[in-house]
Every structure is written in structure tokens, then in C-alpha cells.
């Protein structure tokens, strides 16, 4: 079913699990941020596998909450695979609870709006459902959701 070619590092068995894509516009209201942290903690407690770019501040915070659990995590990069891996990411890789995926070759080192969008398309393609914390009006997140309406189960943060 997957059409996009991608590269991986970590436990590929995680890709067979039920996956929830976490997507959020770079900027969002404060009330949504707190509700999103609660959502992340709930997913961690349920043991749900989350796929996200974990790039923006809210995504990094969600990643931080998820790392405190034992559930599998999928990190999708908007660039090629990293050569240097942060200790908390390496620990999750060593524990076989993390896989890093990217649609880009190692030569792609910079994140752009275009690479971020392509990364998000890969996340949606791999995911079984999508959780949208916030989609800014007229932004790329809103565009991605519109393009995938009807293809995947999409859950919107109730404060969005």
C-alpha cells in the first residue's frame, strides 16, 4: 500500500503496528498546547504508537512526554537520516522502541517548507489515523488535511 520510498534507522517491526500521526501547525493557541500535552500523556499511557516529525516546539514537547513511556514511537525527518543522534533518541533506539523514517537521502541536510510537507505526506501515508492538534487557517497542515479527507480517520483536537 505504501507508495513513497523511505529510509529507516531503528526497529522496523514498529511500522507494522497501528500508528497515529501527530500533526500540528507551528503556531497554535496556548489552550491547545496544554490539551495536546494531555493527549500525549494519554497516548503514552495507552501504549499507542505515535508518528510525528517532532520538529516544532510543541512536537518536541510531545516527544518528551512520549519518551517517558514504553510505547513505540516513529520519528519522521524532513531531511536525510542523522549522523549524530541525541542521547535520548539513541536510548529509545537501543530499547527497540523507536524507528526513524525519512523520504530523503542522506545528502538532504536542510529542512525546508517543501521537505517538511513531503515528510508530513509520508507520515500520513504510514499512519492509520491522524490526530491534528491545530491546523492554522490557510497553512500547509490545513492543506494536508484537506488532501487526505476521506482517506484516513482524522481526529481534531477539540479546542481547534
C-alpha atoms as a PDB file:
ATOM      1  CA  UNK A   1       0.000   0.000   0.000  1.00  0.00           C
ATOM      2  CA  UNK A   2       2.850   2.424   0.773  1.00  0.00           C
ATOM      3  CA  UNK A   3       3.976   4.251  -2.328  1.00  0.00           C
ATOM      4  CA  UNK A   4       6.676   6.581  -1.056  1.00  0.00           C
ATOM      5  CA  UNK A   5      10.223   5.240  -0.860  1.00  0.00           C
ATOM      6  CA  UNK A   6      11.752   5.913   2.534  1.00  0.00           C
ATOM      7  CA  UNK A   7      14.862   5.200   4.576  1.00  0.00           C
ATOM      8  CA  UNK A   8      14.898   3.901   8.144  1.00  0.00           C
ATOM      9  CA  UNK A   9      17.045   3.535  11.246  1.00  0.00           C
ATOM     10  CA  UNK A  10      15.798   1.507  14.194  1.00  0.00           C
ATOM     11  CA  UNK A  11      13.197  -1.176  14.824  1.00  0.00           C
ATOM     12  CA  UNK A  12      11.312  -1.691  11.535  1.00  0.00           C
ATOM     13  CA  UNK A  13       8.793  -4.008  13.266  1.00  0.00           C
ATOM     14  CA  UNK A  14       7.223  -0.843  14.717  1.00  0.00           C
ATOM     15  CA  UNK A  15       5.935   0.013  11.235  1.00  0.00           C
ATOM     16  CA  UNK A  16       3.549  -2.972  11.443  1.00  0.00           C
ATOM     17  CA  UNK A  17       1.754  -1.541  14.486  1.00  0.00           C
ATOM     18  CA  UNK A  18      -1.332   0.643  14.466  1.00  0.00           C
ATOM     19  CA  UNK A  19       0.026   4.173  14.090  1.00  0.00           C
ATOM     20  CA  UNK A  20      -1.387   7.609  14.922  1.00  0.00           C
ATOM     21  CA  UNK A  21       0.168  10.574  13.109  1.00  0.00           C
ATOM     22  CA  UNK A  22       0.521  13.674  15.279  1.00  0.00           C
ATOM     23  CA  UNK A  23       0.316  16.869  13.231  1.00  0.00           C
ATOM     24  CA  UNK A  24       0.254  20.461  14.434  1.00  0.00           C
ATOM     25  CA  UNK A  25       0.841  23.835  12.814  1.00  0.00           C
ATOM     26  CA  UNK A  26       3.977  25.561  14.081  1.00  0.00           C
ATOM     27  CA  UNK A  27       1.953  28.149  15.959  1.00  0.00           C
ATOM     28  CA  UNK A  28      -1.164  27.425  17.949  1.00  0.00           C
ATOM     29  CA  UNK A  29      -3.173  28.880  20.838  1.00  0.00           C
ATOM     30  CA  UNK A  30      -1.958  28.220  24.402  1.00  0.00           C
ATOM     31  CA  UNK A  31      -5.112  26.284  25.329  1.00  0.00           C
ATOM     32  CA  UNK A  32      -4.437  23.834  22.543  1.00  0.00           C
ATOM     33  CA  UNK A  33      -0.869  23.306  23.730  1.00  0.00           C
ATOM     34  CA  UNK A  34      -1.961  22.192  27.192  1.00  0.00           C
ATOM     35  CA  UNK A  35      -4.693  19.946  25.765  1.00  0.00           C
ATOM     36  CA  UNK A  36      -2.132  18.438  23.382  1.00  0.00           C
ATOM     37  CA  UNK A  37       0.223  17.618  26.263  1.00  0.00           C
ATOM     38  CA  UNK A  38      -2.672  15.844  27.981  1.00  0.00           C
ATOM     39  CA  UNK A  39      -3.339  13.933  24.741  1.00  0.00           C
ATOM     40  CA  UNK A  40       0.336  12.894  24.515  1.00  0.00           C
ATOM     41  CA  UNK A  41       0.299  11.595  28.095  1.00  0.00           C
ATOM     42  CA  UNK A  42      -2.907   9.679  27.364  1.00  0.00           C
ATOM     43  CA  UNK A  43      -1.353   8.071  24.269  1.00  0.00           C
ATOM     44  CA  UNK A  44       1.725   7.140  26.283  1.00  0.00           C
ATOM     45  CA  UNK A  45      -0.403   5.503  28.985  1.00  0.00           C
ATOM     46  CA  UNK A  46      -2.433   3.593  26.366  1.00  0.00           C
ATOM     47  CA  UNK A  47       0.789   2.410  24.695  1.00  0.00           C
ATOM     48  CA  UNK A  48      -0.205   3.879  21.314  1.00  0.00           C
ATOM     49  CA  UNK A  49       2.411   4.213  18.584  1.00  0.00           C
ATOM     50  CA  UNK A  50       2.756   7.858  17.501  1.00  0.00           C
ATOM     51  CA  UNK A  51       4.431   9.063  14.320  1.00  0.00           C
ATOM     52  CA  UNK A  52       5.485  12.691  14.040  1.00  0.00           C
ATOM     53  CA  UNK A  53       8.274  14.944  12.873  1.00  0.00           C
ATOM     54  CA  UNK A  54       8.887  16.095  16.453  1.00  0.00           C
ATOM     55  CA  UNK A  55      10.433  19.231  14.970  1.00  0.00           C
ATOM     56  CA  UNK A  56       8.424  22.247  16.186  1.00  0.00           C
ATOM     57  CA  UNK A  57       8.466  23.153  19.887  1.00  0.00           C
ATOM     58  CA  UNK A  58       5.071  21.572  20.592  1.00  0.00           C
ATOM     59  CA  UNK A  59       6.162  18.410  18.741  1.00  0.00           C
ATOM     60  CA  UNK A  60       9.409  18.284  20.739  1.00  0.00           C
ATOM     61  CA  UNK A  61       7.397  18.602  23.934  1.00  0.00           C
ATOM     62  CA  UNK A  62       5.072  15.755  22.849  1.00  0.00           C
ATOM     63  CA  UNK A  63       8.156  13.649  22.065  1.00  0.00           C
ATOM     64  CA  UNK A  64       9.477  14.385  25.561  1.00  0.00           C
ATOM     65  CA  UNK A  65       6.207  13.131  27.119  1.00  0.00           C
ATOM     66  CA  UNK A  66       6.168  10.037  24.900  1.00  0.00           C
ATOM     67  CA  UNK A  67       9.760   9.126  25.745  1.00  0.00           C
ATOM     68  CA  UNK A  68       8.748   8.725  29.398  1.00  0.00           C
ATOM     69  CA  UNK A  69       6.677   5.674  28.430  1.00  0.00           C
ATOM     70  CA  UNK A  70       7.446   2.325  26.872  1.00  0.00           C
ATOM     71  CA  UNK A  71       5.278   2.529  23.749  1.00  0.00           C
ATOM     72  CA  UNK A  72       6.786   2.544  20.243  1.00  0.00           C
ATOM     73  CA  UNK A  73       7.496   5.870  18.535  1.00  0.00           C
ATOM     74  CA  UNK A  74       8.162   6.762  14.911  1.00  0.00           C
ATOM     75  CA  UNK A  75      10.200   9.883  14.202  1.00  0.00           C
ATOM     76  CA  UNK A  76       9.789  11.192  10.659  1.00  0.00           C
ATOM     77  CA  UNK A  77      12.526  13.502   9.407  1.00  0.00           C
ATOM     78  CA  UNK A  78      12.228  16.304   6.860  1.00  0.00           C
ATOM     79  CA  UNK A  79      15.837  15.672   5.857  1.00  0.00           C
ATOM     80  CA  UNK A  80      18.149  12.694   5.413  1.00  0.00           C
ATOM     81  CA  UNK A  81      18.979  10.351   8.301  1.00  0.00           C
ATOM     82  CA  UNK A  82      21.028  11.937  11.074  1.00  0.00           C
ATOM     83  CA  UNK A  83      24.674  11.075  11.548  1.00  0.00           C
ATOM     84  CA  UNK A  84      24.749  12.363  15.130  1.00  0.00           C
ATOM     85  CA  UNK A  85      21.892  11.164  17.297  1.00  0.00           C
ATOM     86  CA  UNK A  86      20.941  12.834  20.559  1.00  0.00           C
ATOM     87  CA  UNK A  87      21.295  10.605  23.662  1.00  0.00           C
ATOM     88  CA  UNK A  88      17.543  10.414  24.401  1.00  0.00           C
ATOM     89  CA  UNK A  89      16.881   9.317  20.805  1.00  0.00           C
ATOM     90  CA  UNK A  90      19.755   6.811  20.933  1.00  0.00           C
ATOM     91  CA  UNK A  91      18.386   5.379  24.190  1.00  0.00           C
ATOM     92  CA  UNK A  92      14.970   4.816  22.561  1.00  0.00           C
ATOM     93  CA  UNK A  93      16.657   3.237  19.511  1.00  0.00           C
ATOM     94  CA  UNK A  94      18.701   0.960  21.805  1.00  0.00           C
ATOM     95  CA  UNK A  95      15.496  -0.067  23.599  1.00  0.00           C
ATOM     96  CA  UNK A  96      13.955  -1.052  20.214  1.00  0.00           C
ATOM     97  CA  UNK A  97      11.016   1.330  20.753  1.00  0.00           C
ATOM     98  CA  UNK A  98      11.920   3.908  18.118  1.00  0.00           C
ATOM     99  CA  UNK A  99      12.307   3.964  14.374  1.00  0.00           C
ATOM    100  CA  UNK A 100      13.398   6.976  12.371  1.00  0.00           C
ATOM    101  CA  UNK A 101      11.945   7.286   8.863  1.00  0.00           C
ATOM    102  CA  UNK A 102      12.607   9.782   6.110  1.00  0.00           C
ATOM    103  CA  UNK A 103      11.750  10.050   2.427  1.00  0.00           C
ATOM    104  CA  UNK A 104      15.120  11.780   1.838  1.00  0.00           C
ATOM    105  CA  UNK A 105      18.607  10.540   1.081  1.00  0.00           C
ATOM    106  CA  UNK A 106      21.442  11.418   3.477  1.00  0.00           C
ATOM    107  CA  UNK A 107      22.568  14.215   1.146  1.00  0.00           C
ATOM    108  CA  UNK A 108      19.462  16.283   2.090  1.00  0.00           C
ATOM    109  CA  UNK A 109      20.655  18.141   5.185  1.00  0.00           C
ATOM    110  CA  UNK A 110      18.394  21.210   5.404  1.00  0.00           C
ATOM    111  CA  UNK A 111      14.741  21.321   6.341  1.00  0.00           C
ATOM    112  CA  UNK A 112      12.572  23.484   4.111  1.00  0.00           C
ATOM    113  CA  UNK A 113       8.825  24.011   3.841  1.00  0.00           C
ATOM    114  CA  UNK A 114       8.881  21.596   0.898  1.00  0.00           C
ATOM    115  CA  UNK A 115      10.796  18.845   2.717  1.00  0.00           C
ATOM    116  CA  UNK A 116       8.569  19.278   5.789  1.00  0.00           C
ATOM    117  CA  UNK A 117       5.471  18.885   3.623  1.00  0.00           C
ATOM    118  CA  UNK A 118       6.857  15.761   1.937  1.00  0.00           C
ATOM    119  CA  UNK A 119       7.730  14.355   5.384  1.00  0.00           C
ATOM    120  CA  UNK A 120       4.173  15.037   6.551  1.00  0.00           C
ATOM    121  CA  UNK A 121       2.806  13.277   3.463  1.00  0.00           C
ATOM    122  CA  UNK A 122       4.904  10.221   4.372  1.00  0.00           C
ATOM    123  CA  UNK A 123       3.605  10.335   7.959  1.00  0.00           C
ATOM    124  CA  UNK A 124       0.013  10.408   6.722  1.00  0.00           C
ATOM    125  CA  UNK A 125       0.721   7.590   4.277  1.00  0.00           C
ATOM    126  CA  UNK A 126       2.201   5.376   7.014  1.00  0.00           C
ATOM    127  CA  UNK A 127      -0.386   6.245   9.684  1.00  0.00           C
ATOM    128  CA  UNK A 128      -3.678   4.504  10.325  1.00  0.00           C
ATOM    129  CA  UNK A 129      -5.255   7.670  11.717  1.00  0.00           C
ATOM    130  CA  UNK A 130      -4.280  11.313  12.106  1.00  0.00           C
ATOM    131  CA  UNK A 131      -4.526  13.493  15.210  1.00  0.00           C
ATOM    132  CA  UNK A 132      -4.482  17.190  14.338  1.00  0.00           C
ATOM    133  CA  UNK A 133      -3.682  19.320  17.371  1.00  0.00           C
ATOM    134  CA  UNK A 134      -4.135  22.528  15.374  1.00  0.00           C
ATOM    135  CA  UNK A 135      -4.287  23.474  11.699  1.00  0.00           C
ATOM    136  CA  UNK A 136      -3.685  27.156  11.042  1.00  0.00           C
ATOM    137  CA  UNK A 137      -6.114  28.592   8.512  1.00  0.00           C
ATOM    138  CA  UNK A 138      -4.552  28.601   5.050  1.00  0.00           C
ATOM    139  CA  UNK A 139      -1.422  26.760   6.204  1.00  0.00           C
ATOM    140  CA  UNK A 140       0.258  23.590   4.978  1.00  0.00           C
ATOM    141  CA  UNK A 141      -1.270  21.494   7.761  1.00  0.00           C
ATOM    142  CA  UNK A 142      -4.749  22.534   6.670  1.00  0.00           C
ATOM    143  CA  UNK A 143      -3.816  21.751   3.044  1.00  0.00           C
ATOM    144  CA  UNK A 144      -2.526  18.302   4.002  1.00  0.00           C
ATOM    145  CA  UNK A 145      -5.702  17.516   5.938  1.00  0.00           C
ATOM    146  CA  UNK A 146      -7.900  18.651   3.025  1.00  0.00           C
ATOM    147  CA  UNK A 147      -5.934  16.444   0.620  1.00  0.00           C
ATOM    148  CA  UNK A 148      -6.397  13.415   2.874  1.00  0.00           C
ATOM    149  CA  UNK A 149     -10.001  13.933   3.961  1.00  0.00           C
ATOM    150  CA  UNK A 150     -11.834  10.659   3.446  1.00  0.00           C
ATOM    151  CA  UNK A 151      -8.619   8.642   3.041  1.00  0.00           C
ATOM    152  CA  UNK A 152      -7.748   8.354   6.738  1.00  0.00           C
ATOM    153  CA  UNK A 153      -9.564   8.768  10.039  1.00  0.00           C
ATOM    154  CA  UNK A 154      -8.791  12.323  11.144  1.00  0.00           C
ATOM    155  CA  UNK A 155      -9.292  13.415  14.746  1.00  0.00           C
ATOM    156  CA  UNK A 156      -9.182  17.112  15.523  1.00  0.00           C
ATOM    157  CA  UNK A 157      -8.173  18.480  18.894  1.00  0.00           C
ATOM    158  CA  UNK A 158     -11.475  19.610  20.384  1.00  0.00           C
ATOM    159  CA  UNK A 159     -10.129  23.097  21.013  1.00  0.00           C
ATOM    160  CA  UNK A 160      -9.078  23.600  17.366  1.00  0.00           C
END
